[in-house]
Amino acid sequence: TLRKPISQSSMADWASKNLNMHTQGIFRRRISIANMLSWNGSSIKKPMLITSNRTIKKEACEMFKLVQSYMGDRQTRMDRNHVALVTVTKCWSMQGLRDELYIQLIRQTTDNTCYRSLAWGWELMAISLAFFSPSPKFQSYLEGYIYRHLDSDENIAQRIKELVDLKIKKNSKSRKKRKQNTEDEGLPISTYAKYCYRRLQKVAVTGGKKGLRKPTVEEITHARNAIVTPSLFGSSLEEIMLRQQNMFPGNKLPWVQTQLSQQVLALGGEQTEGIFR
């Protein structure tokens, strides 16, 4: 069961108190919260969240470029696996960057008119949640954002169409045109959101990846694959039973129990002292 997270007004209140408000133009006018939390094709000159840490300030701006690169909104020589690895490793090693990454992903997946970019942003969020949690003070905000996308596919498609139409009317002779795509090019956003919601509940309790060994490309690939095909071992019992219901509705015994028994027998477990006797 999904508990209802904080309200939209509470999220707006949190944003007004914690966002590091950006400025634009020669008169340095403050950018509105709505624009601060909407997709941006340019780089940023300071972090999204208020911080006094100089290292975080510098790394946050570089990380925004990595997020854009992963989502296909910035050209890079690195493949997407490596971009994800660099991003996740930075945040896994530097706790102060974690909330910054999640708020950057919230920004880049809001009012994004390119479906592929939007999906890749959600994918990076799902991968990140396999390695580290947001801070307790930011968790409810992230939870609220994800919750509002659990059944939002029709709304997202409509919103993309509205934004594209508005842009065409406003500036039909735009100098820099970005590829627009409202067609489904992969998983529905609600699939990513549901997975992220479950991962957030889990990582908030477990704390994510532990130990001194840094994340690897193999772990990044595994985290991405788990969005579509959750691992039998390492997933919650609820996730496993839900998958069994879809794949093997006629099974009388829990799938994980039969699979575990088969693996033990395949490795000669019935002849090994200490397992069954």
Protein backbone atom coordinates (compact mmCIF):
# COMPACT_ATOMS: atom_id res chain seq x y z
CA THR A 1 0.00 0.00 0.00
CA LEU A 2 1.22 3.47 -0.92
CA ARG A 3 0.80 6.10 1.72
CA LYS A 4 -0.14 9.55 0.46
CA PRO A 5 2.89 11.86 0.70
CA ILE A 6 3.05 15.58 1.41
CA SER A 7 0.67 17.92 -0.40
CA GLN A 8 1.56 20.11 -3.38
CA SER A 9 1.43 23.23 -1.18
CA SER A 10 3.87 21.66 1.30
CA MET A 11 6.21 20.83 -1.60
CA ALA A 12 6.01 24.44 -2.80
CA ASP A 13 6.76 25.66 0.72
CA TRP A 14 9.79 23.35 0.95
CA ALA A 15 11.07 24.58 -2.41
CA SER A 16 10.74 28.25 -1.42
CA LYS A 17 12.87 27.63 1.69
CA ASN A 18 15.55 25.36 0.22
CA LEU A 19 16.05 26.29 -3.44
CA ASN A 20 19.12 28.37 -4.24
CA MET A 21 17.26 30.93 -6.35
CA HIS A 22 18.97 31.65 -9.69
CA THR A 23 19.02 34.93 -11.59
CA GLN A 24 19.09 35.84 -15.28
CA GLY A 25 19.75 38.81 -17.55
CA ILE A 26 21.85 41.93 -17.04
CA PHE A 27 19.52 43.08 -14.27
CA ARG A 28 19.91 39.69 -12.53
CA ARG A 29 16.20 39.13 -12.10
CA ARG A 30 15.34 36.15 -9.92
CA ILE A 31 14.00 33.13 -11.77
CA SER A 32 10.62 31.95 -10.47
CA ILE A 33 10.35 28.67 -8.56
CA ALA A 34 8.28 27.24 -11.43
CA ASN A 35 11.06 28.00 -13.92
CA MET A 36 13.71 26.79 -11.48
CA LEU A 37 11.92 23.45 -11.46
CA SER A 38 11.31 23.14 -15.21
CA TRP A 39 13.50 21.52 -17.87
CA ASN A 40 16.54 23.59 -18.82
CA GLY A 41 18.72 23.09 -21.89
CA SER A 42 21.50 25.38 -20.65
CA SER A 43 24.11 24.83 -17.96
CA ILE A 44 23.72 26.17 -14.43
CA LYS A 45 26.18 28.48 -12.66
CA LYS A 46 25.31 27.52 -9.10
CA PRO A 47 23.66 24.58 -7.29
CA MET A 48 19.91 24.08 -7.20
CA LEU A 49 19.93 23.73 -3.42
CA ILE A 50 21.37 26.13 -0.85
CA THR A 51 24.82 25.05 0.35
CA SER A 52 27.92 26.69 1.83
CA ASN A 53 30.24 23.84 0.79
CA ARG A 54 32.58 25.06 -1.98
CA THR A 55 33.25 21.57 -3.30
CA ILE A 56 29.53 20.83 -3.56
CA LYS A 57 28.97 24.16 -5.33
CA LYS A 58 31.51 23.25 -8.01
CA GLU A 59 30.53 19.59 -8.35
CA ALA A 60 26.80 20.40 -8.58
CA CYS A 61 27.29 22.46 -11.76
CA GLU A 62 29.40 19.72 -13.35
CA MET A 63 26.86 17.10 -12.32
CA PHE A 64 24.07 19.01 -14.06
CA LYS A 65 26.01 18.58 -17.31
CA LEU A 66 26.24 14.83 -16.62
CA VAL A 67 22.48 14.66 -16.06
CA GLN A 68 21.93 16.47 -19.37
CA SER A 69 24.38 14.11 -21.08
CA TYR A 70 22.64 10.99 -19.77
CA MET A 71 19.27 12.33 -20.90
CA GLY A 72 20.60 13.07 -24.39
CA ASP A 73 20.27 16.84 -23.99
CA ARG A 74 24.02 17.52 -24.13
CA GLN A 75 26.62 16.00 -26.44
CA THR A 76 29.30 13.86 -24.83
CA ARG A 77 31.96 11.37 -25.88
CA MET A 78 31.09 9.08 -22.99
CA ASP A 79 28.52 6.32 -23.41
CA ARG A 80 25.45 6.52 -21.17
CA ASN A 81 26.63 3.69 -18.92
CA HIS A 82 29.82 5.61 -18.12
CA VAL A 83 27.90 8.86 -17.59
CA ALA A 84 25.63 7.08 -15.11
CA LEU A 85 28.65 5.51 -13.37
CA VAL A 86 30.44 8.87 -12.95
CA THR A 87 27.24 10.53 -11.68
CA VAL A 88 26.34 7.79 -9.23
CA THR A 89 29.93 7.45 -7.96
CA LYS A 90 30.17 11.20 -7.27
CA CYS A 91 27.00 11.11 -5.17
CA TRP A 92 27.81 7.79 -3.50
CA SER A 93 31.20 9.20 -2.43
CA MET A 94 29.94 12.70 -1.57
CA GLN A 95 26.78 12.63 0.53
CA GLY A 96 26.15 16.36 0.11
CA LEU A 97 25.55 15.88 -3.63
CA ARG A 98 22.71 13.37 -3.33
CA ASP A 99 19.79 15.74 -2.77
CA GLU A 100 21.26 18.00 -5.45
CA LEU A 101 21.15 15.15 -7.98
CA TYR A 102 17.55 14.31 -7.15
CA ILE A 103 16.38 17.93 -7.40
CA GLN A 104 18.23 18.27 -10.73
CA LEU A 105 16.43 15.16 -12.00
CA ILE A 106 13.11 16.56 -10.78
CA ARG A 107 13.85 19.74 -12.73
CA GLN A 108 14.87 17.96 -15.93
CA THR A 109 11.83 15.65 -15.88
CA THR A 110 9.39 18.53 -15.42
CA ASP A 111 7.86 20.12 -18.54
CA ASN A 112 10.30 18.16 -20.72
CA THR A 113 8.94 18.09 -24.29
CA CYS A 114 11.16 15.21 -25.49
CA TYR A 115 9.77 11.86 -24.36
CA ARG A 116 13.06 9.98 -24.77
CA SER A 117 14.92 12.55 -22.65
CA LEU A 118 12.12 12.44 -20.07
CA ALA A 119 12.28 8.64 -19.84
CA TRP A 120 16.07 8.65 -19.53
CA GLY A 121 15.82 11.18 -16.69
CA TRP A 122 13.47 8.87 -14.81
CA GLU A 123 15.77 5.96 -15.61
CA LEU A 124 18.73 7.76 -14.02
CA MET A 125 16.61 8.47 -10.95
CA ALA A 126 15.75 4.76 -10.68
CA ILE A 127 19.41 3.77 -11.05
CA SER A 128 20.50 6.31 -8.42
CA LEU A 129 17.94 5.01 -5.91
CA ALA A 130 19.63 1.61 -6.10
CA PHE A 131 22.79 3.15 -4.61
CA PHE A 132 21.81 5.91 -2.17
CA SER A 133 18.84 7.58 -0.54
CA PRO A 134 18.01 11.29 -0.32
CA SER A 135 18.49 12.96 3.05
CA PRO A 136 15.59 12.61 5.53
CA LYS A 137 14.67 16.29 5.03
CA PHE A 138 14.43 15.85 1.24
CA GLN A 139 12.84 12.40 1.17
CA SER A 140 9.24 13.59 1.55
CA TYR A 141 9.70 16.10 -1.30
CA LEU A 142 11.08 13.45 -3.65
CA GLU A 143 8.39 11.02 -2.54
CA GLY A 144 5.70 13.60 -3.32
CA TYR A 145 7.12 14.22 -6.79
CA ILE A 146 7.29 10.51 -7.65
CA TYR A 147 3.82 9.86 -6.21
CA ARG A 148 2.26 12.37 -8.60
CA HIS A 149 3.57 10.38 -11.57
CA LEU A 150 2.29 6.94 -10.59
CA ASP A 151 -0.71 7.20 -12.95
CA SER A 152 0.21 10.20 -15.04
CA ASP A 153 0.88 8.88 -18.56
CA GLU A 154 -2.11 10.56 -20.24
CA ASN A 155 -1.43 13.81 -18.39
CA ILE A 156 2.24 13.75 -19.44
CA ALA A 157 1.38 13.18 -23.11
CA GLN A 158 -1.16 16.01 -22.98
CA ARG A 159 1.29 18.33 -21.20
CA ILE A 160 4.00 17.67 -23.80
CA LYS A 161 1.54 18.45 -26.60
CA GLU A 162 0.48 21.70 -24.90
CA LEU A 163 4.08 22.82 -24.39
CA VAL A 164 5.05 22.01 -27.97
CA ASP A 165 2.00 23.87 -29.35
CA LEU A 166 2.76 26.85 -27.12
CA LYS A 167 6.39 26.94 -28.26
CA ILE A 168 5.36 26.79 -31.92
CA LYS A 169 2.93 29.69 -31.46
CA LYS A 170 5.36 31.73 -29.40
CA ASN A 171 8.42 31.32 -31.59
CA SER A 172 7.93 29.61 -34.91
CA LYS A 173 11.35 30.85 -36.11
CA SER A 174 13.37 29.55 -33.20
CA ARG A 175 17.08 29.58 -33.91
CA LYS A 176 17.78 26.43 -31.95
CA LYS A 177 15.19 23.75 -32.49
CA ARG A 178 15.08 20.74 -30.22
CA LYS A 179 13.65 17.47 -31.45
CA GLN A 180 10.11 17.12 -30.15
CA ASN A 181 8.60 13.69 -29.65
CA THR A 182 5.33 12.88 -27.96
CA GLU A 183 5.29 9.27 -29.11
CA ASP A 184 5.95 6.43 -26.72
CA GLU A 185 9.55 5.33 -27.31
CA GLY A 186 9.79 2.86 -24.48
CA LEU A 187 8.39 2.32 -21.01
CA PRO A 188 5.51 4.49 -19.76
CA ILE A 189 6.67 7.09 -17.23
CA SER A 190 4.33 5.53 -14.65
CA THR A 191 6.42 2.32 -14.83
CA TYR A 192 9.54 4.26 -13.84
CA ALA A 193 7.61 6.15 -11.16
CA LYS A 194 6.21 2.99 -9.55
CA TYR A 195 9.65 1.41 -9.51
CA CYS A 196 11.23 4.59 -8.08
CA TYR A 197 8.54 4.75 -5.40
CA ARG A 198 9.26 1.18 -4.25
CA ARG A 199 13.03 1.74 -4.41
CA LEU A 200 12.72 4.95 -2.36
CA GLN A 201 10.82 3.13 0.40
CA LYS A 202 13.50 0.43 0.46
CA VAL A 203 16.63 2.58 0.21
CA ALA A 204 15.32 4.93 2.93
CA VAL A 205 15.47 1.95 5.30
CA THR A 206 18.56 0.09 4.03
CA GLY A 207 20.66 3.15 3.22
CA GLY A 208 21.74 1.92 -0.23
CA LYS A 209 25.11 0.51 -1.30
CA LYS A 210 27.50 -0.09 1.59
CA GLY A 211 31.20 -0.83 1.88
CA LEU A 212 34.29 0.84 0.46
CA ARG A 213 34.09 -0.55 -3.08
CA LYS A 214 32.87 2.08 -5.51
CA PRO A 215 29.94 1.40 -7.86
CA THR A 216 30.79 -0.55 -11.03
CA VAL A 217 29.44 -0.57 -14.59
CA GLU A 218 28.00 -4.03 -13.91
CA GLU A 219 26.04 -2.67 -10.94
CA ILE A 220 24.77 0.23 -13.06
CA THR A 221 23.58 -2.23 -15.73
CA HIS A 222 21.95 -4.44 -13.10
CA ALA A 223 20.16 -1.42 -11.57
CA ARG A 224 18.83 -0.41 -15.00
CA ASN A 225 17.68 -3.93 -15.88
CA ALA A 226 15.88 -4.25 -12.54
CA ILE A 227 13.40 -1.55 -13.62
CA VAL A 228 11.89 -3.97 -16.13
CA THR A 229 12.93 -7.36 -14.74
CA PRO A 230 13.33 -7.28 -10.95
CA SER A 231 15.87 -9.79 -9.67
CA LEU A 232 14.42 -12.84 -7.95
CA PHE A 233 17.03 -12.53 -5.21
CA GLY A 234 17.53 -9.05 -3.81
CA SER A 235 13.99 -7.81 -4.44
CA SER A 236 11.35 -7.47 -1.74
CA LEU A 237 8.93 -10.37 -1.19
CA GLU A 238 6.08 -8.10 -2.32
CA GLU A 239 7.85 -7.44 -5.66
CA ILE A 240 8.62 -11.14 -6.16
CA MET A 241 5.04 -12.24 -5.48
CA LEU A 242 3.67 -9.52 -7.76
CA ARG A 243 5.95 -10.75 -10.54
CA GLN A 244 4.88 -14.36 -9.88
CA GLN A 245 1.23 -13.32 -10.14
CA ASN A 246 1.90 -11.94 -13.62
CA MET A 247 4.26 -14.63 -14.91
CA PHE A 248 3.15 -17.82 -13.14
CA PRO A 249 -0.44 -17.29 -11.92
CA GLY A 250 -1.00 -21.06 -11.59
CA ASN A 251 1.92 -21.72 -9.21
CA LYS A 252 0.82 -23.08 -5.84
CA LEU A 253 4.17 -22.56 -4.12
CA PRO A 254 6.09 -19.27 -3.85
CA TRP A 255 8.33 -18.87 -6.89
CA VAL A 256 11.36 -17.86 -4.80
CA GLN A 257 11.03 -21.04 -2.70
CA THR A 258 10.97 -23.40 -5.70
CA GLN A 259 13.81 -21.56 -7.46
CA LEU A 260 15.97 -21.59 -4.33
CA SER A 261 15.33 -25.32 -3.84
CA GLN A 262 16.24 -26.06 -7.46
CA GLN A 263 19.49 -24.12 -7.15
CA VAL A 264 20.45 -25.95 -3.95
CA LEU A 265 19.72 -29.34 -5.58
CA ALA A 266 21.57 -28.39 -8.78
CA LEU A 267 24.70 -27.70 -6.71
CA GLY A 268 24.43 -31.01 -4.86
CA GLY A 269 23.02 -29.50 -1.71
CA GLU A 270 21.18 -32.70 -0.71
CA GLN A 271 24.59 -34.38 -0.30
CA THR A 272 26.13 -31.49 1.65
CA GLU A 273 26.24 -31.81 5.41
CA GLY A 274 24.76 -28.89 7.31
CA ILE A 275 22.04 -27.93 4.82
CA PHE A 276 19.39 -30.63 5.30
CA ARG A 277 20.87 -32.56 8.20
